[in-house]
Protein backbone atom coordinates (compact mmCIF):
# COMPACT_ATOMS: atom_id res chain seq x y z
CA MET A 1 -0.51 17.05 37.21
CA SER A 2 -3.76 14.88 37.67
CA SER A 3 -3.51 11.05 37.61
CA SER A 4 -4.46 10.27 34.35
CA HIS A 5 -1.81 8.43 32.63
CA VAL A 6 -1.75 4.76 31.33
CA LEU A 7 1.31 3.01 30.63
CA VAL A 8 0.94 0.77 27.17
CA LEU A 9 2.91 -2.22 26.69
CA ASN A 10 3.27 -4.22 23.32
CA CYS A 11 5.52 -7.33 23.80
CA GLY A 12 6.80 -8.91 20.61
CA SER A 13 8.74 -11.98 20.61
CA SER A 14 12.17 -9.81 20.59
CA SER A 15 10.81 -6.18 21.20
CA LEU A 16 8.76 -4.28 23.42
CA LYS A 17 7.15 -1.09 22.62
CA PHE A 18 5.88 1.23 25.09
CA ALA A 19 4.01 4.40 25.70
CA ILE A 20 2.84 6.64 28.68
CA ILE A 21 -0.41 8.22 27.32
CA ASP A 22 -2.58 10.87 28.86
CA ILE A 23 -6.20 9.50 28.47
CA ASN A 24 -7.55 13.19 28.92
CA SER A 25 -5.59 14.69 26.06
CA GLY A 26 -4.12 11.69 24.38
CA ALA A 27 -0.56 13.36 24.70
CA GLU A 28 2.40 10.78 25.13
CA ALA A 29 4.34 11.57 28.04
CA LEU A 30 6.79 8.93 27.01
CA SER A 31 7.18 6.64 23.95
CA GLY A 32 9.86 4.18 22.95
CA LEU A 33 10.84 0.64 21.75
CA ALA A 34 13.05 -2.11 23.37
CA GLU A 35 14.21 -3.98 20.29
CA ARG A 36 16.77 -6.87 19.65
CA LEU A 37 15.78 -8.34 23.27
CA ALA A 38 17.84 -11.67 23.81
CA GLU A 39 20.21 -11.05 20.94
CA GLN A 40 23.47 -8.93 20.50
CA ALA A 41 23.29 -5.44 21.20
CA PRO A 42 19.90 -5.00 22.64
CA LEU A 43 18.79 -1.28 23.42
CA ILE A 44 15.83 0.76 24.36
CA LYS A 45 15.08 3.79 22.17
CA TYR A 46 12.84 6.56 23.61
CA LYS A 47 11.23 9.85 23.53
CA HIS A 48 10.51 12.53 26.08
CA ASN A 49 9.48 16.16 25.61
CA GLY A 50 10.48 15.84 22.11
CA SER A 51 14.06 14.52 23.10
CA LYS A 52 15.36 11.02 21.72
CA GLN A 53 17.54 8.93 23.66
CA CYS A 54 18.87 5.54 23.86
CA ILE A 55 19.96 3.06 26.38
CA ASP A 56 22.16 0.25 25.91
CA LEU A 57 21.40 -3.27 27.19
CA ASN A 58 23.66 -6.23 27.88
CA ALA A 59 23.66 -8.84 25.08
CA GLY A 60 21.07 -11.50 25.78
CA ASP A 61 18.86 -9.15 28.06
CA ALA A 62 15.29 -10.11 27.71
CA HIS A 63 11.84 -8.37 28.42
CA GLN A 64 12.35 -8.82 32.11
CA VAL A 65 15.41 -6.55 31.95
CA ALA A 66 13.89 -4.33 29.46
CA ILE A 67 11.05 -3.30 31.71
CA LYS A 68 13.00 -3.22 34.76
CA GLN A 69 15.12 -0.53 32.84
CA LEU A 70 11.97 1.12 31.84
CA VAL A 71 10.35 0.91 35.35
CA LYS A 72 13.83 3.13 36.20
CA LEU A 73 13.30 5.46 33.43
CA VAL A 74 9.51 6.01 34.45
CA LYS A 75 10.74 7.17 38.06
CA GLN A 76 13.57 8.80 36.85
CA LEU A 77 11.48 11.22 34.72
CA ASP A 78 8.76 11.46 37.63
CA LEU A 79 5.89 9.65 35.67
CA ALA A 80 5.13 6.92 37.96
CA GLN A 81 2.97 8.69 40.30
CA ASN A 82 0.35 9.85 37.35
CA LEU A 83 0.10 6.06 36.15
CA ILE A 84 -3.65 4.69 36.75
CA ALA A 85 -3.28 1.29 34.84
CA VAL A 86 -1.09 -0.95 32.68
CA GLY A 87 -2.68 -1.98 29.27
CA HIS A 88 -0.94 -5.09 27.68
CA ARG A 89 -1.68 -5.86 23.99
CA VAL A 90 -2.59 -9.34 23.70
CA VAL A 91 -2.67 -10.66 20.11
CA HIS A 92 -4.80 -13.70 20.47
CA GLY A 93 -7.72 -14.04 22.96
CA GLY A 94 -9.30 -17.02 20.86
CA GLU A 95 -13.36 -17.39 21.90
CA HIS A 96 -12.63 -16.26 25.52
CA PHE A 97 -12.62 -12.73 25.25
CA THR A 98 -15.00 -10.38 23.12
CA LYS A 99 -13.79 -7.22 25.06
CA SER A 100 -10.78 -5.99 27.15
CA VAL A 101 -10.67 -7.62 30.65
CA LEU A 102 -8.96 -7.03 34.01
CA ILE A 103 -6.25 -9.49 34.29
CA ASN A 104 -6.40 -12.19 36.80
CA ASP A 105 -5.09 -15.65 37.15
CA ASN A 106 -7.89 -17.10 35.05
CA VAL A 107 -7.22 -14.60 32.23
CA ILE A 108 -3.75 -15.51 32.31
CA ASP A 109 -4.77 -19.40 32.22
CA ALA A 110 -6.87 -18.75 29.18
CA ILE A 111 -4.09 -16.83 27.38
CA LYS A 112 -1.62 -19.70 27.99
CA GLN A 113 -4.04 -22.23 26.63
CA THR A 114 -4.68 -19.82 23.67
CA SER A 115 -0.80 -19.52 22.87
CA VAL A 116 -0.86 -22.81 20.72
CA LEU A 117 -2.87 -20.78 18.41
CA ALA A 118 -0.44 -17.53 18.44
CA PRO A 119 2.90 -19.50 19.70
CA LEU A 120 5.29 -16.41 18.42
CA HIS A 121 2.87 -13.91 19.98
CA ASN A 122 0.86 -14.96 23.15
CA PRO A 123 3.89 -15.97 25.03
CA ALA A 124 5.85 -12.77 24.64
CA ASN A 125 2.75 -11.20 25.99
CA LEU A 126 2.62 -13.09 28.72
CA LEU A 127 6.20 -12.22 29.57
CA GLY A 128 5.43 -8.56 29.59
CA ILE A 129 2.28 -9.01 31.64
CA THR A 130 4.18 -10.92 34.39
CA ALA A 131 7.03 -8.45 34.11
CA ALA A 132 4.63 -5.57 34.74
CA GLN A 133 2.81 -7.27 37.33
CA HIS A 134 6.00 -7.35 39.43
CA ALA A 135 7.13 -4.02 38.76
CA PHE A 136 3.61 -2.08 39.25
CA GLU A 137 2.08 -4.53 41.52
CA ASN A 138 -0.36 -1.82 42.98
CA LEU A 139 -1.72 -1.02 39.34
CA PRO A 140 -4.46 -2.81 37.59
CA GLN A 141 -3.46 -4.66 34.53
CA ILE A 142 -5.61 -4.59 31.74
CA ALA A 143 -5.27 -7.19 28.46
CA VAL A 144 -6.70 -5.62 25.17
CA PHE A 145 -7.14 -8.45 22.61
CA ASP A 146 -6.44 -8.11 18.87
CA THR A 147 -9.31 -10.58 18.05
CA ALA A 148 -11.66 -9.39 20.11
CA PHE A 149 -13.24 -6.71 17.90
CA HIS A 150 -13.91 -9.59 15.43
CA GLN A 151 -15.91 -11.62 17.60
CA THR A 152 -19.12 -10.28 16.10
CA MET A 153 -18.44 -12.07 12.83
CA ASP A 154 -21.34 -14.72 12.14
CA LYS A 155 -20.44 -18.72 11.89
CA HIS A 156 -20.66 -18.64 8.03
CA ALA A 157 -17.69 -15.71 8.14
CA PHE A 158 -15.16 -17.76 10.75
CA LEU A 159 -15.84 -21.31 10.30
CA TYR A 160 -13.37 -23.33 7.83
CA ALA A 161 -15.17 -25.95 5.72
CA ILE A 162 -13.37 -28.85 7.59
CA PRO A 163 -14.64 -31.28 9.93
CA TYR A 164 -16.89 -29.54 12.86
CA ALA A 165 -15.41 -31.25 15.59
CA LEU A 166 -12.38 -29.40 15.00
CA TYR A 167 -13.91 -26.37 15.87
CA THR A 168 -15.80 -27.72 18.85
CA GLU A 169 -13.33 -29.59 20.22
CA HIS A 170 -10.12 -27.66 19.43
CA GLY A 171 -11.20 -24.14 18.57
CA ILE A 172 -9.93 -24.19 14.88
CA ARG A 173 -11.63 -21.39 13.17
CA ARG A 174 -10.84 -17.73 11.62
CA TYR A 175 -10.03 -15.21 14.28
CA GLY A 176 -8.65 -12.27 12.77
CA PHE A 177 -6.23 -9.97 14.00
CA HIS A 178 -5.42 -6.14 13.92
CA GLY A 179 -8.71 -5.70 16.03
CA THR A 180 -7.51 -2.40 17.74
CA SER A 181 -6.46 -0.83 14.88
CA HIS A 182 -9.54 -1.61 12.49
CA TYR A 183 -11.55 -0.68 15.36
CA TYR A 184 -9.88 2.67 15.83
CA VAL A 185 -9.69 3.83 12.10
CA SER A 186 -13.31 2.67 11.55
CA THR A 187 -14.81 4.78 14.40
CA GLN A 188 -12.45 7.79 13.40
CA ALA A 189 -13.90 7.17 9.59
CA HIS A 190 -17.32 7.87 10.91
CA LYS A 191 -16.46 11.00 12.94
CA ILE A 192 -14.54 12.42 9.87
CA LEU A 193 -17.15 11.52 7.15
CA GLY A 194 -20.25 12.00 9.32
CA LEU A 195 -21.19 8.35 8.67
CA SER A 196 -24.15 7.01 10.64
CA HIS A 197 -23.13 4.25 13.12
CA ASP A 198 -26.15 2.37 12.42
CA GLN A 199 -26.03 2.63 8.72
CA SER A 200 -22.28 2.61 7.45
CA ARG A 201 -20.33 0.17 5.17
CA VAL A 202 -16.74 0.43 5.73
CA ILE A 203 -13.57 -1.48 4.86
CA SER A 204 -10.46 -1.08 6.63
CA ALA A 205 -6.95 -2.22 5.00
CA HIS A 206 -4.40 -2.25 7.98
CA LEU A 207 -1.00 -2.38 5.86
CA GLY A 208 2.25 -2.91 7.30
CA ASN A 209 4.83 -6.07 7.50
CA GLY A 210 1.56 -7.44 8.60
CA CYS A 211 -1.19 -6.99 6.55
CA SER A 212 -5.35 -7.31 6.92
CA VAL A 213 -8.68 -6.37 5.71
CA ALA A 214 -11.93 -5.99 7.60
CA ALA A 215 -15.42 -5.39 6.27
CA ILE A 216 -17.09 -3.48 9.18
CA LYS A 217 -20.87 -2.99 8.74
CA ASN A 218 -22.61 -0.59 11.36
CA GLY A 219 -19.61 -0.34 13.28
CA LYS A 220 -19.21 -4.32 13.85
CA SER A 221 -16.89 -6.37 11.99
CA VAL A 222 -18.42 -9.04 9.64
CA ASP A 223 -15.29 -10.60 8.01
CA THR A 224 -11.64 -10.08 8.03
CA SER A 225 -8.76 -11.58 5.86
CA MET A 226 -6.71 -13.15 8.62
CA GLY A 227 -7.75 -16.34 10.26
CA LEU A 228 -6.79 -19.10 12.67
CA THR A 229 -3.41 -17.13 12.98
CA PRO A 230 -1.98 -13.92 11.08
CA LEU A 231 -0.39 -16.16 8.13
CA GLU A 232 -3.87 -16.07 6.24
CA GLY A 233 -4.96 -13.70 3.89
CA LEU A 234 -3.27 -10.80 2.09
CA VAL A 235 0.60 -10.73 0.78
CA MET A 236 2.65 -9.33 3.73
CA GLY A 237 6.13 -8.43 4.08
CA THR A 238 7.64 -11.99 5.09
CA ARG A 239 4.06 -14.12 5.00
CA SER A 240 2.70 -15.66 2.11
CA GLY A 241 -1.03 -15.01 2.94
CA ASP A 242 -3.52 -17.29 1.26
CA ILE A 243 -1.88 -20.63 -0.55
CA ASP A 244 -2.92 -23.76 -1.76
CA PRO A 245 -2.89 -26.07 1.59
CA GLY A 246 -1.76 -29.04 -0.74
CA LEU A 247 1.54 -26.74 -0.88
CA PHE A 248 2.67 -28.26 2.39
CA SER A 249 2.21 -31.96 1.43
CA PHE A 250 4.16 -31.18 -1.63
CA LEU A 251 6.95 -29.35 0.10
CA VAL A 252 7.43 -32.10 2.92
CA ASN A 253 6.99 -35.17 0.79
CA GLN A 254 8.62 -34.21 -2.67
CA LEU A 255 11.07 -31.47 -1.51
CA ASN A 256 11.73 -33.13 1.93
CA TYR A 257 11.17 -30.20 3.94
CA THR A 258 10.10 -30.26 7.66
CA ALA A 259 6.72 -29.03 9.12
CA SER A 260 8.89 -26.27 10.75
CA ALA A 261 10.80 -25.42 7.93
CA VAL A 262 7.34 -24.86 6.01
CA ASP A 263 6.39 -22.63 8.63
CA GLU A 264 9.68 -20.67 8.52
CA LEU A 265 8.96 -20.41 4.87
CA LEU A 266 5.56 -19.32 4.73
CA ASN A 267 5.98 -17.00 7.76
CA LYS A 268 9.37 -15.62 7.34
CA LYS A 269 10.64 -16.02 3.89
CA SER A 270 7.63 -15.64 1.73
CA GLY A 271 5.61 -12.45 0.77
CA LEU A 272 7.28 -9.31 -0.56
CA LEU A 273 10.78 -10.74 0.66
CA GLY A 274 10.19 -13.98 -1.14
CA ILE A 275 8.81 -12.40 -4.76
CA SER A 276 11.37 -9.84 -4.83
CA GLU A 277 14.44 -11.50 -3.30
CA LEU A 278 15.53 -8.11 -2.43
CA SER A 279 13.51 -7.19 0.88
CA ASN A 280 10.45 -7.00 3.20
CA ASP A 281 10.41 -3.05 3.21
CA CYS A 282 8.03 -1.91 0.86
CA ARG A 283 10.06 1.67 0.57
CA ALA A 284 12.97 -0.46 -0.83
CA ILE A 285 10.91 -2.65 -3.18
CA GLU A 286 9.10 0.35 -4.68
CA GLU A 287 12.45 2.34 -5.16
CA ALA A 288 13.89 -0.91 -6.96
CA ALA A 289 10.69 -1.27 -9.21
CA ALA A 290 10.87 2.67 -9.97
CA GLN A 291 14.62 1.56 -11.09
CA GLY A 292 13.17 -0.99 -13.32
CA HIS A 293 13.78 -4.38 -11.26
CA PRO A 294 11.58 -6.75 -12.48
CA GLN A 295 11.09 -8.78 -9.45
CA ALA A 296 10.45 -5.88 -7.38
CA THR A 297 7.88 -4.81 -10.01
CA LEU A 298 6.20 -8.12 -9.92
CA ALA A 299 6.13 -8.09 -5.78
CA LEU A 300 4.35 -4.66 -5.79
CA ASP A 301 1.94 -6.02 -8.58
CA ILE A 302 1.14 -9.25 -6.86
CA PHE A 303 0.68 -7.32 -3.54
CA CYS A 304 -1.75 -4.89 -5.10
CA TYR A 305 -3.54 -7.19 -7.07
CA ARG A 306 -4.58 -9.37 -4.22
CA LEU A 307 -5.43 -6.39 -1.78
CA ALA A 308 -7.86 -5.10 -4.57
CA LYS A 309 -9.25 -8.55 -4.85
CA GLN A 310 -9.85 -9.11 -1.21
CA ILE A 311 -11.31 -5.84 -0.82
CA ALA A 312 -13.52 -6.09 -3.74
CA ALA A 313 -14.83 -9.30 -2.08
CA PHE A 314 -15.67 -7.88 0.85
CA VAL A 315 -18.34 -5.63 -0.73
CA VAL A 316 -20.54 -8.75 -0.84
CA PRO A 317 -21.06 -9.17 2.91
CA LEU A 318 -21.44 -5.21 3.45
CA GLY A 319 -23.99 -5.03 0.61
CA GLY A 320 -22.16 -1.72 -0.99
CA LEU A 321 -19.26 0.49 0.24
CA ASP A 322 -19.22 4.19 1.83
CA ALA A 323 -15.57 4.20 2.65
CA LEU A 324 -12.38 2.25 2.22
CA ILE A 325 -9.66 3.11 4.94
CA PHE A 326 -5.90 2.85 4.28
CA THR A 327 -3.55 2.38 7.45
CA GLY A 328 -0.79 1.13 8.82
CA GLY A 329 2.78 1.72 7.90
CA ILE A 330 2.26 1.19 4.16
CA GLY A 331 -1.26 2.37 4.01
CA GLU A 332 -0.43 5.53 5.54
CA ASN A 333 2.63 6.17 3.41
CA SER A 334 2.42 4.49 0.07
CA ASP A 335 0.72 6.52 -2.63
CA VAL A 336 1.95 4.25 -5.34
CA ILE A 337 0.28 1.14 -3.78
CA ARG A 338 -3.01 3.17 -2.96
CA SER A 339 -3.25 4.49 -6.51
CA LYS A 340 -2.60 1.09 -7.78
CA VAL A 341 -5.50 -0.41 -5.77
CA VAL A 342 -8.08 2.48 -6.09
CA ASN A 343 -7.53 2.25 -9.85
CA MET A 344 -8.13 -1.39 -9.93
CA LEU A 345 -11.54 -0.70 -7.82
CA ALA A 346 -12.71 2.37 -10.28
CA PHE A 347 -15.91 -0.04 -11.13
CA LEU A 348 -16.85 0.57 -7.31
CA GLY A 349 -16.71 4.26 -8.03
CA LEU A 350 -13.33 5.30 -6.60
CA ASN A 351 -11.23 7.56 -8.48
CA ILE A 352 -7.95 8.29 -7.08
CA ASP A 353 -7.33 11.98 -6.76
CA THR A 354 -3.38 12.18 -7.37
CA ASP A 355 -2.88 15.74 -5.44
CA LYS A 356 -4.97 14.51 -2.33
CA ASN A 357 -3.15 10.93 -2.57
CA LEU A 358 0.36 12.60 -2.37
CA ALA A 359 -0.76 15.13 0.46
CA ALA A 360 -2.04 11.96 2.65
CA ARG A 361 1.49 10.56 3.55
CA PHE A 362 3.64 10.76 6.83
CA GLY A 363 0.90 11.31 9.50
CA ASN A 364 -1.46 13.25 7.23
CA GLN A 365 -4.93 12.12 7.21
CA GLY A 366 -7.91 12.85 4.40
CA VAL A 367 -9.66 11.51 1.57
CA ILE A 368 -7.80 10.51 -1.49
CA THR A 369 -10.53 10.48 -4.42
CA SER A 370 -12.24 12.83 -6.14
CA GLN A 371 -15.52 12.14 -4.78
CA ILE A 372 -16.89 11.72 -0.99
CA GLN A 373 -19.07 8.73 -1.31
CA PRO A 374 -17.82 5.99 -1.78
CA CYS A 375 -14.58 7.55 -0.99
CA ALA A 376 -11.13 6.22 -0.02
CA ILE A 377 -9.30 7.84 2.84
CA VAL A 378 -6.21 7.72 4.79
CA ILE A 379 -6.26 7.36 8.64
CA PRO A 380 -3.19 6.97 10.69
CA THR A 381 -3.73 4.42 13.32
CA ASN A 382 -3.41 4.55 16.98
CA GLU A 383 -3.66 1.19 18.66
CA GLU A 384 -2.14 2.35 21.68
CA TRP A 385 -4.85 5.06 22.11
CA VAL A 386 -7.48 1.96 22.22
CA ILE A 387 -5.39 0.11 24.62
CA ALA A 388 -5.03 3.35 26.87
CA THR A 389 -8.53 4.30 26.83
CA ASP A 390 -9.74 0.71 27.57
CA ALA A 391 -7.28 0.26 30.45
CA ALA A 392 -8.48 3.47 31.88
CA THR A 393 -12.18 2.63 31.42
CA ILE A 394 -11.79 -0.71 33.37
CA ALA A 395 -9.41 0.60 35.88
CA GLN A 396 -11.83 3.37 37.00
CA GLU A 397 -14.54 0.96 37.19
CA GLN A 398 -12.90 -0.90 39.95
């Protein structure tokens, strides 16, 4: 077996998603998730050669222990000798990074400086980088940034209408996220639909527990719904998305919330969970709505309305629409939400095909409208593949 594998690491605040990917074929030699890290009953779930296994960790074990177990597993499965690089997902790159880079001390310092903009994500990403550097000291380590794809936005799209000095002195602006996903599915859409890369108008809707929309013109991001942080934009699983900023002072001054309580409210207790008072899981909410639960129905209505409104708004920077892409856990599997949204966008020439919409679920891609252009299409995302190929390209240049 030739040395053509990349280890992809995606460290969250309490989880570690990993995969070893063959860059020649795209096949995953190993994939898995370490979850509930630093909590009770942490474990690693992984898949190898079609077999699913679990490794129990000790209560309180964190990322470093999980990566040590991962390294042990990689060696046990005889996969280490084929690795050529480690690719790391880094959520926030600020304005420092417009593309993926080889990690060195300067890159680590820049990621640390940007951590103030992503306090839940970047520190966890750095934990993964540090642990992997010790575990795989002879392999090049590459950082792939969620924000990099959106660095092609113009100032009129990314600046807030607040004092300009806050941007020049503190970097306060809209950055956008889910960049690797938006890049991947928009590239796939060009291939599948035969769109000209230099003359295309695509809107990508990445819908999961976190949700964002990107307007992509001629292969480049020109606008996106998330902003300084992943809280701005659409209604999400537990995040509010866009709100009146005056809500913050109302909650603090009138209801005696602390700043941290407001942050927790908007990030962890709002969105689908907050409206439904049931769950942040879209599947559970759809089931409850089908049974007549009024707040579950309302949660879906608000989610779809805000999504359709954002998609329609992004036709403005594109000057038209060739394709609307649905991706992410909800986008790839919820025919209900896709149907609701497409029906609200019928004025753009989109008409849902019920049979195609039902067929495009559970890993199946395809056009879900009755016409080819403009069309709505489901494309399963593959952020790990983007990270792997970027890492391999940079590693082979060294």
